[in-house]
Each structure stands twice: as structure tokens, then as C-alpha cells.
Amino acid sequence: MKDHVYENGRLIQTNKKFSALKQKQKEWITNELRQRYISAIYYPYTKLRPKKRDQILDEVYDLIQKKEIWVPYDEVEKYYFSKIPSFIRKNK
């Protein structure tokens, strides 16, 4: 159990991947990221500036922690950056 730690009385896996989350959790995170990203876009087919993009990621990660879904920040960040092109395409 080298990749597990006790935190607040719960055993947490420190090397958890985004793909290991339950389907409902993944869908909720994706929907939150998509809604916030699309609402922040001023012009269709444009990417957000890095500062605004990171602000959205931080807001959603805070919500993830409040829902007590444990996944490392870098996993959510990697998933978010991979989904940005699809968010832009779907915002027609």
C-alpha cells in the first residue's frame, strides 16, 4: 500500500487516474468544465487565455473537493486540456 495515505480518516489512493472514477463522476466533471468554458468564450472558435483557462480549472477543482471526489489535480488538468478542442467545436 505504498500509493495510499490516510487523510481525514479515509484511505486515499495517491496515484489515482481520471479513468478510475465512476462514470457519473466523470460526466459531472466534464459538464462543469464544459459549461464554464463555453460561458467564458466571447467569440466562437477561439481559445481562452491561459489565466482565464486556469481560473476555470481551479473553480471546478474546488467543486470536486467539496463533493469529496478524490482525484489528483494534474489528472483533472490533463483531462481538461485534452477536452478544450471539443468544447470549442461543440460551441457553434
PDB file of N, CA and C in Angstrom:
ATOM      1  N   MET A   1       0.823  -1.182   0.000  1.00  0.00           N
ATOM      2  CA  MET A   1       0.000   0.000   0.000  1.00  0.00           C
ATOM      3  C   MET A   1       0.868   1.246   0.000  1.00  0.00           C
ATOM      4  N   LYS A   2       1.883   1.239  -0.837  1.00  0.00           N
ATOM      5  CA  LYS A   2       2.789   2.379  -0.894  1.00  0.00           C
ATOM      6  C   LYS A   2       2.147   3.601  -1.536  1.00  0.00           C
ATOM      7  N   ASP A   3       1.079   3.409  -2.321  1.00  0.00           N
ATOM      8  CA  ASP A   3       0.429   4.521  -3.003  1.00  0.00           C
ATOM      9  C   ASP A   3      -0.844   4.968  -2.299  1.00  0.00           C
ATOM     10  N   HIS A   4      -0.974   4.672  -1.006  1.00  0.00           N
ATOM     11  CA  HIS A   4      -2.155   5.047  -0.248  1.00  0.00           C
ATOM     12  C   HIS A   4      -1.734   5.833   0.992  1.00  0.00           C
ATOM     13  N   VAL A   5      -2.560   6.797   1.372  1.00  0.00           N
ATOM     14  CA  VAL A   5      -2.335   7.562   2.597  1.00  0.00           C
ATOM     15  C   VAL A   5      -3.668   7.741   3.311  1.00  0.00           C
ATOM     16  N   TYR A   6      -3.592   7.889   4.630  1.00  0.00           N
ATOM     17  CA  TYR A   6      -4.790   8.199   5.405  1.00  0.00           C
ATOM     18  C   TYR A   6      -4.931   9.708   5.476  1.00  0.00           C
ATOM     19  N   GLU A   7      -6.115  10.198   5.140  1.00  0.00           N
ATOM     20  CA  GLU A   7      -6.392  11.625   5.215  1.00  0.00           C
ATOM     21  C   GLU A   7      -7.818  11.796   5.727  1.00  0.00           C
ATOM     22  N   ASN A   8      -7.967  12.483   6.836  1.00  0.00           N
ATOM     23  CA  ASN A   8      -9.279  12.700   7.459  1.00  0.00           C
ATOM     24  C   ASN A   8     -10.005  11.382   7.718  1.00  0.00           C
ATOM     25  N   GLY A   9      -9.274  10.376   8.149  1.00  0.00           N
ATOM     26  CA  GLY A   9      -9.881   9.093   8.472  1.00  0.00           C
ATOM     27  C   GLY A   9     -10.247   8.240   7.273  1.00  0.00           C
ATOM     28  N   ARG A  10      -9.815   8.635   6.087  1.00  0.00           N
ATOM     29  CA  ARG A  10     -10.121   7.879   4.868  1.00  0.00           C
ATOM     30  C   ARG A  10      -8.826   7.451   4.198  1.00  0.00           C
ATOM     31  N   LEU A  11      -8.843   6.277   3.626  1.00  0.00           N
ATOM     32  CA  LEU A  11      -7.695   5.773   2.891  1.00  0.00           C
ATOM     33  C   LEU A  11      -7.790   6.280   1.456  1.00  0.00           C
ATOM     34  N   ILE A  12      -6.791   7.043   1.016  1.00  0.00           N
ATOM     35  CA  ILE A  12      -6.821   7.669  -0.302  1.00  0.00           C
ATOM     36  C   ILE A  12      -5.682   7.132  -1.155  1.00  0.00           C
ATOM     37  N   GLN A  13      -6.002   6.819  -2.403  1.00  0.00           N
ATOM     38  CA  GLN A  13      -5.003   6.349  -3.358  1.00  0.00           C
ATOM     39  C   GLN A  13      -4.352   7.570  -3.999  1.00  0.00           C
ATOM     40  N   THR A  14      -3.045   7.733  -3.824  1.00  0.00           N
ATOM     41  CA  THR A  14      -2.363   8.941  -4.279  1.00  0.00           C
ATOM     42  C   THR A  14      -2.085   8.959  -5.773  1.00  0.00           C
ATOM     43  N   ASN A  15      -2.090   7.811  -6.415  1.00  0.00           N
ATOM     44  CA  ASN A  15      -1.776   7.765  -7.845  1.00  0.00           C
ATOM     45  C   ASN A  15      -3.018   7.448  -8.678  1.00  0.00           C
ATOM     46  N   LYS A  16      -4.168   7.895  -8.237  1.00  0.00           N
ATOM     47  CA  LYS A  16      -5.429   7.593  -8.914  1.00  0.00           C
ATOM     48  C   LYS A  16      -5.491   8.298 -10.267  1.00  0.00           C
ATOM     49  N   LYS A  17      -6.030   7.624 -11.248  1.00  0.00           N
ATOM     50  CA  LYS A  17      -6.180   8.178 -12.593  1.00  0.00           C
ATOM     51  C   LYS A  17      -7.608   8.670 -12.786  1.00  0.00           C
ATOM     52  N   PHE A  18      -7.783   9.603 -13.720  1.00  0.00           N
ATOM     53  CA  PHE A  18      -9.120  10.117 -14.022  1.00  0.00           C
ATOM     54  C   PHE A  18     -10.015   8.998 -14.527  1.00  0.00           C
ATOM     55  N   SER A  19      -9.451   8.078 -15.273  1.00  0.00           N
ATOM     56  CA  SER A  19     -10.239   6.977 -15.837  1.00  0.00           C
ATOM     57  C   SER A  19     -10.765   6.026 -14.759  1.00  0.00           C
ATOM     58  N   ALA A  20     -10.196   6.078 -13.559  1.00  0.00           N
ATOM     59  CA  ALA A  20     -10.638   5.199 -12.477  1.00  0.00           C
ATOM     60  C   ALA A  20     -11.879   5.726 -11.755  1.00  0.00           C
ATOM     61  N   LEU A  21     -12.308   6.937 -12.092  1.00  0.00           N
ATOM     62  CA  LEU A  21     -13.510   7.490 -11.470  1.00  0.00           C
ATOM     63  C   LEU A  21     -14.752   6.788 -11.994  1.00  0.00           C
ATOM     64  N   LYS A  22     -15.835   6.893 -11.249  1.00  0.00           N
ATOM     65  CA  LYS A  22     -17.107   6.332 -11.704  1.00  0.00           C
ATOM     66  C   LYS A  22     -17.632   7.174 -12.860  1.00  0.00           C
ATOM     67  N   GLN A  23     -18.453   6.567 -13.702  1.00  0.00           N
ATOM     68  CA  GLN A  23     -18.963   7.241 -14.896  1.00  0.00           C
ATOM     69  C   GLN A  23     -19.722   8.522 -14.543  1.00  0.00           C
ATOM     70  N   LYS A  24     -20.542   8.492 -13.504  1.00  0.00           N
ATOM     71  CA  LYS A  24     -21.296   9.680 -13.098  1.00  0.00           C
ATOM     72  C   LYS A  24     -20.360  10.807 -12.671  1.00  0.00           C
ATOM     73  N   GLN A  25     -19.285  10.459 -11.993  1.00  0.00           N
ATOM     74  CA  GLN A  25     -18.323  11.464 -11.551  1.00  0.00           C
ATOM     75  C   GLN A  25     -17.622  12.095 -12.749  1.00  0.00           C
ATOM     76  N   LYS A  26     -17.218  11.263 -13.708  1.00  0.00           N
ATOM     77  CA  LYS A  26     -16.559  11.784 -14.911  1.00  0.00           C
ATOM     78  C   LYS A  26     -17.493  12.696 -15.696  1.00  0.00           C
ATOM     79  N   GLU A  27     -18.750  12.284 -15.829  1.00  0.00           N
ATOM     80  CA  GLU A  27     -19.722  13.099 -16.567  1.00  0.00           C
ATOM     81  C   GLU A  27     -19.972  14.428 -15.868  1.00  0.00           C
ATOM     82  N   TRP A  28     -20.063  14.406 -14.546  1.00  0.00           N
ATOM     83  CA  TRP A  28     -20.297  15.637 -13.795  1.00  0.00           C
ATOM     84  C   TRP A  28     -19.132  16.611 -13.975  1.00  0.00           C
ATOM     85  N   ILE A  29     -17.906  16.096 -13.863  1.00  0.00           N
ATOM     86  CA  ILE A  29     -16.720  16.940 -14.021  1.00  0.00           C
ATOM     87  C   ILE A  29     -16.666  17.507 -15.436  1.00  0.00           C
ATOM     88  N   THR A  30     -16.917  16.674 -16.441  1.00  0.00           N
ATOM     89  CA  THR A  30     -16.893  17.127 -17.829  1.00  0.00           C
ATOM     90  C   THR A  30     -17.940  18.204 -18.068  1.00  0.00           C
ATOM     91  N   ASN A  31     -19.141  18.010 -17.558  1.00  0.00           N
ATOM     92  CA  ASN A  31     -20.202  19.001 -17.746  1.00  0.00           C
ATOM     93  C   ASN A  31     -19.861  20.331 -17.084  1.00  0.00           C
ATOM     94  N   GLU A  32     -19.304  20.284 -15.884  1.00  0.00           N
ATOM     95  CA  GLU A  32     -18.909  21.516 -15.199  1.00  0.00           C
ATOM     96  C   GLU A  32     -17.834  22.259 -15.993  1.00  0.00           C
ATOM     97  N   LEU A  33     -16.820  21.527 -16.443  1.00  0.00           N
ATOM     98  CA  LEU A  33     -15.751  22.153 -17.221  1.00  0.00           C
ATOM     99  C   LEU A  33     -16.301  22.752 -18.512  1.00  0.00           C
ATOM    100  N   ARG A  34     -17.143  21.999 -19.223  1.00  0.00           N
ATOM    101  CA  ARG A  34     -17.699  22.458 -20.498  1.00  0.00           C
ATOM    102  C   ARG A  34     -18.550  23.713 -20.317  1.00  0.00           C
ATOM    103  N   GLN A  35     -19.463  23.691 -19.346  1.00  0.00           N
ATOM    104  CA  GLN A  35     -20.352  24.836 -19.127  1.00  0.00           C
ATOM    105  C   GLN A  35     -19.570  26.095 -18.787  1.00  0.00           C
ATOM    106  N   ARG A  36     -18.606  25.976 -17.920  1.00  0.00           N
ATOM    107  CA  ARG A  36     -17.825  27.147 -17.515  1.00  0.00           C
ATOM    108  C   ARG A  36     -16.937  27.645 -18.651  1.00  0.00           C
ATOM    109  N   TYR A  37     -16.367  26.725 -19.422  1.00  0.00           N
ATOM    110  CA  TYR A  37     -15.500  27.131 -20.530  1.00  0.00           C
ATOM    111  C   TYR A  37     -16.314  27.847 -21.604  1.00  0.00           C
ATOM    112  N   ILE A  38     -17.443  27.275 -21.982  1.00  0.00           N
ATOM    113  CA  ILE A  38     -18.270  27.858 -23.039  1.00  0.00           C
ATOM    114  C   ILE A  38     -18.840  29.204 -22.603  1.00  0.00           C
ATOM    115  N   SER A  39     -19.224  29.334 -21.345  1.00  0.00           N
ATOM    116  CA  SER A  39     -19.769  30.614 -20.884  1.00  0.00           C
ATOM    117  C   SER A  39     -18.696  31.703 -20.836  1.00  0.00           C
ATOM    118  N   ALA A  40     -17.425  31.326 -20.773  1.00  0.00           N
ATOM    119  CA  ALA A  40     -16.340  32.304 -20.719  1.00  0.00           C
ATOM    120  C   ALA A  40     -15.847  32.717 -22.105  1.00  0.00           C
ATOM    121  N   ILE A  41     -16.236  31.998 -23.150  1.00  0.00           N
ATOM    122  CA  ILE A  41     -15.787  32.317 -24.509  1.00  0.00           C
ATOM    123  C   ILE A  41     -16.596  33.500 -25.039  1.00  0.00           C
ATOM    124  N   TYR A  42     -15.896  34.507 -25.573  1.00  0.00           N
ATOM    125  CA  TYR A  42     -16.569  35.672 -26.143  1.00  0.00           C
ATOM    126  C   TYR A  42     -16.894  35.468 -27.613  1.00  0.00           C
ATOM    127  N   TYR A  43     -15.968  34.850 -28.341  1.00  0.00           N
ATOM    128  CA  TYR A  43     -16.142  34.634 -29.774  1.00  0.00           C
ATOM    129  C   TYR A  43     -16.080  33.138 -30.060  1.00  0.00           C
ATOM    130  N   PRO A  44     -16.949  32.637 -30.937  1.00  0.00           N
ATOM    131  CA  PRO A  44     -16.897  31.205 -31.270  1.00  0.00           C
ATOM    132  C   PRO A  44     -15.551  30.824 -31.894  1.00  0.00           C
ATOM    133  N   TYR A  45     -15.157  29.591 -31.688  1.00  0.00           N
ATOM    134  CA  TYR A  45     -13.933  29.016 -32.258  1.00  0.00           C
ATOM    135  C   TYR A  45     -12.656  29.688 -31.758  1.00  0.00           C
ATOM    136  N   THR A  46     -12.665  30.262 -30.575  1.00  0.00           N
ATOM    137  CA  THR A  46     -11.444  30.842 -30.019  1.00  0.00           C
ATOM    138  C   THR A  46     -11.134  30.193 -28.679  1.00  0.00           C
ATOM    139  N   LYS A  47      -9.864  30.061 -28.392  1.00  0.00           N
ATOM    140  CA  LYS A  47      -9.438  29.517 -27.104  1.00  0.00           C
ATOM    141  C   LYS A  47      -9.355  30.647 -26.085  1.00  0.00           C
ATOM    142  N   LEU A  48      -9.500  30.285 -24.832  1.00  0.00           N
ATOM    143  CA  LEU A  48      -9.359  31.264 -23.760  1.00  0.00           C
ATOM    144  C   LEU A  48      -7.889  31.515 -23.473  1.00  0.00           C
ATOM    145  N   ARG A  49      -7.631  32.649 -22.869  1.00  0.00           N
ATOM    146  CA  ARG A  49      -6.261  32.947 -22.442  1.00  0.00           C
ATOM    147  C   ARG A  49      -5.901  32.037 -21.258  1.00  0.00           C
ATOM    148  N   PRO A  50      -4.614  31.755 -21.098  1.00  0.00           N
ATOM    149  CA  PRO A  50      -4.197  30.817 -20.045  1.00  0.00           C
ATOM    150  C   PRO A  50      -4.674  31.192 -18.640  1.00  0.00           C
ATOM    151  N   LYS A  51      -4.684  32.482 -18.319  1.00  0.00           N
ATOM    152  CA  LYS A  51      -5.092  32.897 -16.975  1.00  0.00           C
ATOM    153  C   LYS A  51      -6.558  32.539 -16.714  1.00  0.00           C
ATOM    154  N   LYS A  52      -7.432  32.830 -17.660  1.00  0.00           N
ATOM    155  CA  LYS A  52      -8.857  32.529 -17.515  1.00  0.00           C
ATOM    156  C   LYS A  52      -9.091  31.018 -17.534  1.00  0.00           C
ATOM    157  N   ARG A  53      -8.350  30.334 -18.394  1.00  0.00           N
ATOM    158  CA  ARG A  53      -8.465  28.877 -18.508  1.00  0.00           C
ATOM    159  C   ARG A  53      -8.098  28.208 -17.178  1.00  0.00           C
ATOM    160  N   ASP A  54      -7.034  28.672 -16.552  1.00  0.00           N
ATOM    161  CA  ASP A  54      -6.602  28.112 -15.273  1.00  0.00           C
ATOM    162  C   ASP A  54      -7.569  28.470 -14.144  1.00  0.00           C
ATOM    163  N   GLN A  55      -8.187  29.647 -14.243  1.00  0.00           N
ATOM    164  CA  GLN A  55      -9.168  30.053 -13.238  1.00  0.00           C
ATOM    165  C   GLN A  55     -10.366  29.104 -13.254  1.00  0.00           C
ATOM    166  N   ILE A  56     -10.817  28.732 -14.438  1.00  0.00           N
ATOM    167  CA  ILE A  56     -11.929  27.790 -14.573  1.00  0.00           C
ATOM    168  C   ILE A  56     -11.545  26.441 -13.971  1.00  0.00           C
ATOM    169  N   LEU A  57     -10.340  25.988 -14.264  1.00  0.00           N
ATOM    170  CA  LEU A  57      -9.866  24.713 -13.729  1.00  0.00           C
ATOM    171  C   LEU A  57      -9.834  24.735 -12.202  1.00  0.00           C
ATOM    172  N   ASP A  58      -9.349  25.827 -11.625  1.00  0.00           N
ATOM    173  CA  ASP A  58      -9.294  25.943 -10.166  1.00  0.00           C
ATOM    174  C   ASP A  58     -10.690  25.932  -9.546  1.00  0.00           C
ATOM    175  N   GLU A  59     -11.638  26.643 -10.180  1.00  0.00           N
ATOM    176  CA  GLU A  59     -13.012  26.683  -9.668  1.00  0.00           C
ATOM    177  C   GLU A  59     -13.633  25.285  -9.673  1.00  0.00           C
ATOM    178  N   VAL A  60     -13.457  24.573 -10.762  1.00  0.00           N
ATOM    179  CA  VAL A  60     -14.041  23.236 -10.870  1.00  0.00           C
ATOM    180  C   VAL A  60     -13.346  22.274  -9.910  1.00  0.00           C
ATOM    181  N   TYR A  61     -12.034  22.404  -9.736  1.00  0.00           N
ATOM    182  CA  TYR A  61     -11.341  21.517  -8.804  1.00  0.00           C
ATOM    183  C   TYR A  61     -11.812  21.757  -7.370  1.00  0.00           C
ATOM    184  N   ASP A  62     -12.117  23.015  -7.025  1.00  0.00           N
ATOM    185  CA  ASP A  62     -12.679  23.299  -5.701  1.00  0.00           C
ATOM    186  C   ASP A  62     -14.028  22.601  -5.526  1.00  0.00           C
ATOM    187  N   LEU A  63     -14.851  22.608  -6.574  1.00  0.00           N
ATOM    188  CA  LEU A  63     -16.141  21.910  -6.518  1.00  0.00           C
ATOM    189  C   LEU A  63     -15.946  20.400  -6.367  1.00  0.00           C
ATOM    190  N   ILE A  64     -14.939  19.869  -7.050  1.00  0.00           N
ATOM    191  CA  ILE A  64     -14.635  18.436  -6.952  1.00  0.00           C
ATOM    192  C   ILE A  64     -14.280  18.081  -5.510  1.00  0.00           C
ATOM    193  N   GLN A  65     -13.472  18.915  -4.883  1.00  0.00           N
ATOM    194  CA  GLN A  65     -13.089  18.658  -3.494  1.00  0.00           C
ATOM    195  C   GLN A  65     -14.279  18.770  -2.551  1.00  0.00           C
ATOM    196  N   LYS A  66     -15.189  19.709  -2.814  1.00  0.00           N
ATOM    197  CA  LYS A  66     -16.381  19.849  -1.970  1.00  0.00           C
ATOM    198  C   LYS A  66     -17.286  18.629  -2.082  1.00  0.00           C
ATOM    199  N   LYS A  67     -17.320  18.012  -3.265  1.00  0.00           N
ATOM    200  CA  LYS A  67     -18.125  16.798  -3.448  1.00  0.00           C
ATOM    201  C   LYS A  67     -17.393  15.558  -2.941  1.00  0.00           C
ATOM    202  N   GLU A  68     -16.184  15.748  -2.430  1.00  0.00           N
ATOM    203  CA  GLU A  68     -15.348  14.682  -1.880  1.00  0.00           C
ATOM    204  C   GLU A  68     -15.011  13.612  -2.915  1.00  0.00           C
ATOM    205  N   ILE A  69     -14.777  14.058  -4.135  1.00  0.00           N
ATOM    206  CA  ILE A  69     -14.264  13.168  -5.183  1.00  0.00           C
ATOM    207  C   ILE A  69     -12.753  13.345  -5.154  1.00  0.00           C
ATOM    208  N   TRP A  70     -12.022  12.259  -4.888  1.00  0.00           N
ATOM    209  CA  TRP A  70     -10.578  12.422  -4.803  1.00  0.00           C
ATOM    210  C   TRP A  70      -9.930  11.976  -6.100  1.00  0.00           C
ATOM    211  N   VAL A  71      -9.333  12.949  -6.770  1.00  0.00           N
ATOM    212  CA  VAL A  71      -8.531  12.692  -7.958  1.00  0.00           C
ATOM    213  C   VAL A  71      -7.449  13.773  -7.972  1.00  0.00           C
ATOM    214  N   PRO A  72      -6.204  13.437  -8.302  1.00  0.00           N
ATOM    215  CA  PRO A  72      -5.138  14.434  -8.294  1.00  0.00           C
ATOM    216  C   PRO A  72      -5.415  15.588  -9.264  1.00  0.00           C
ATOM    217  N   TYR A  73      -4.936  16.771  -8.893  1.00  0.00           N
ATOM    218  CA  TYR A  73      -5.132  17.979  -9.699  1.00  0.00           C
ATOM    219  C   TYR A  73      -4.571  17.805 -11.101  1.00  0.00           C
ATOM    220  N   ASP A  74      -3.387  17.201 -11.208  1.00  0.00           N
ATOM    221  CA  ASP A  74      -2.760  17.061 -12.528  1.00  0.00           C
ATOM    222  C   ASP A  74      -3.551  16.139 -13.451  1.00  0.00           C
ATOM    223  N   GLU A  75      -4.287  15.180 -12.892  1.00  0.00           N
ATOM    224  CA  GLU A  75      -5.132  14.311 -13.724  1.00  0.00           C
ATOM    225  C   GLU A  75      -6.310  15.102 -14.300  1.00  0.00           C
ATOM    226  N   VAL A  76      -6.920  15.944 -13.472  1.00  0.00           N
ATOM    227  CA  VAL A  76      -8.031  16.776 -13.945  1.00  0.00           C
ATOM    228  C   VAL A  76      -7.514  17.779 -14.975  1.00  0.00           C
ATOM    229  N   GLU A  77      -6.338  18.344 -14.707  1.00  0.00           N
ATOM    230  CA  GLU A  77      -5.741  19.313 -15.628  1.00  0.00           C
ATOM    231  C   GLU A  77      -5.455  18.673 -16.986  1.00  0.00           C
ATOM    232  N   LYS A  78      -4.884  17.487 -16.988  1.00  0.00           N
ATOM    233  CA  LYS A  78      -4.577  16.784 -18.237  1.00  0.00           C
ATOM    234  C   LYS A  78      -5.859  16.487 -19.016  1.00  0.00           C
ATOM    235  N   TYR A  79      -6.884  16.038 -18.318  1.00  0.00           N
ATOM    236  CA  TYR A  79      -8.167  15.739 -18.956  1.00  0.00           C
ATOM    237  C   TYR A  79      -8.790  17.016 -19.531  1.00  0.00           C
ATOM    238  N   TYR A  80      -8.752  18.090 -18.762  1.00  0.00           N
ATOM    239  CA  TYR A  80      -9.325  19.377 -19.176  1.00  0.00           C
ATOM    240  C   TYR A  80      -8.656  19.886 -20.452  1.00  0.00           C
ATOM    241  N   PHE A  81      -7.342  19.877 -20.485  1.00  0.00           N
ATOM    242  CA  PHE A  81      -6.631  20.371 -21.664  1.00  0.00           C
ATOM    243  C   PHE A  81      -6.881  19.494 -22.886  1.00  0.00           C
ATOM    244  N   SER A  82      -7.113  18.216 -22.684  1.00  0.00           N
ATOM    245  CA  SER A  82      -7.405  17.343 -23.826  1.00  0.00           C
ATOM    246  C   SER A  82      -8.811  17.584 -24.363  1.00  0.00           C
ATOM    247  N   LYS A  83      -9.714  18.084 -23.528  1.00  0.00           N
ATOM    248  CA  LYS A  83     -11.109  18.302 -23.929  1.00  0.00           C
ATOM    249  C   LYS A  83     -11.379  19.703 -24.482  1.00  0.00           C
ATOM    250  N   ILE A  84     -10.480  20.646 -24.313  1.00  0.00           N
ATOM    251  CA  ILE A  84     -10.717  22.021 -24.765  1.00  0.00           C
ATOM    252  C   ILE A  84     -11.071  22.094 -26.250  1.00  0.00           C
ATOM    253  N   PRO A  85     -10.364  21.414 -27.159  1.00  0.00           N
ATOM    254  CA  PRO A  85     -10.760  21.489 -28.577  1.00  0.00           C
ATOM    255  C   PRO A  85     -12.194  21.012 -28.836  1.00  0.00           C
ATOM    256  N   SER A  86     -12.637  19.986 -28.125  1.00  0.00           N
ATOM    257  CA  SER A  86     -14.011  19.515 -28.335  1.00  0.00           C
ATOM    258  C   SER A  86     -15.021  20.510 -27.757  1.00  0.00           C
ATOM    259  N   PHE A  87     -14.674  21.198 -26.673  1.00  0.00           N
ATOM    260  CA  PHE A  87     -15.563  22.230 -26.132  1.00  0.00           C
ATOM    261  C   PHE A  87     -15.748  23.345 -27.160  1.00  0.00           C
ATOM    262  N   ILE A  88     -14.657  23.718 -27.821  1.00  0.00           N
ATOM    263  CA  ILE A  88     -14.715  24.799 -28.812  1.00  0.00           C
ATOM    264  C   ILE A  88     -15.528  24.366 -30.024  1.00  0.00           C
ATOM    265  N   ARG A  89     -15.308  23.140 -30.499  1.00  0.00           N
ATOM    266  CA  ARG A  89     -16.052  22.641 -31.667  1.00  0.00           C
ATOM    267  C   ARG A  89     -17.552  22.569 -31.403  1.00  0.00           C
ATOM    268  N   LYS A  90     -17.922  22.149 -30.210  1.00  0.00           N
ATOM    269  CA  LYS A  90     -19.340  21.984 -29.889  1.00  0.00           C
ATOM    270  C   LYS A  90     -20.034  23.308 -29.595  1.00  0.00           C
ATOM    271  N   ASN A  91     -19.278  24.374 -29.494  1.00  0.00           N
ATOM    272  CA  ASN A  91     -19.846  25.692 -29.207  1.00  0.00           C
ATOM    273  C   ASN A  91     -20.105  26.439 -30.513  1.00  0.00           C
ATOM    274  N   LYS A  92     -20.992  25.914 -31.319  1.00  0.00           N
ATOM    275  CA  LYS A  92     -21.287  26.554 -32.610  1.00  0.00           C
ATOM    276  C   LYS A  92     -22.404  27.546 -32.479  1.00  0.00           C
TER     277      LYS A  92
END
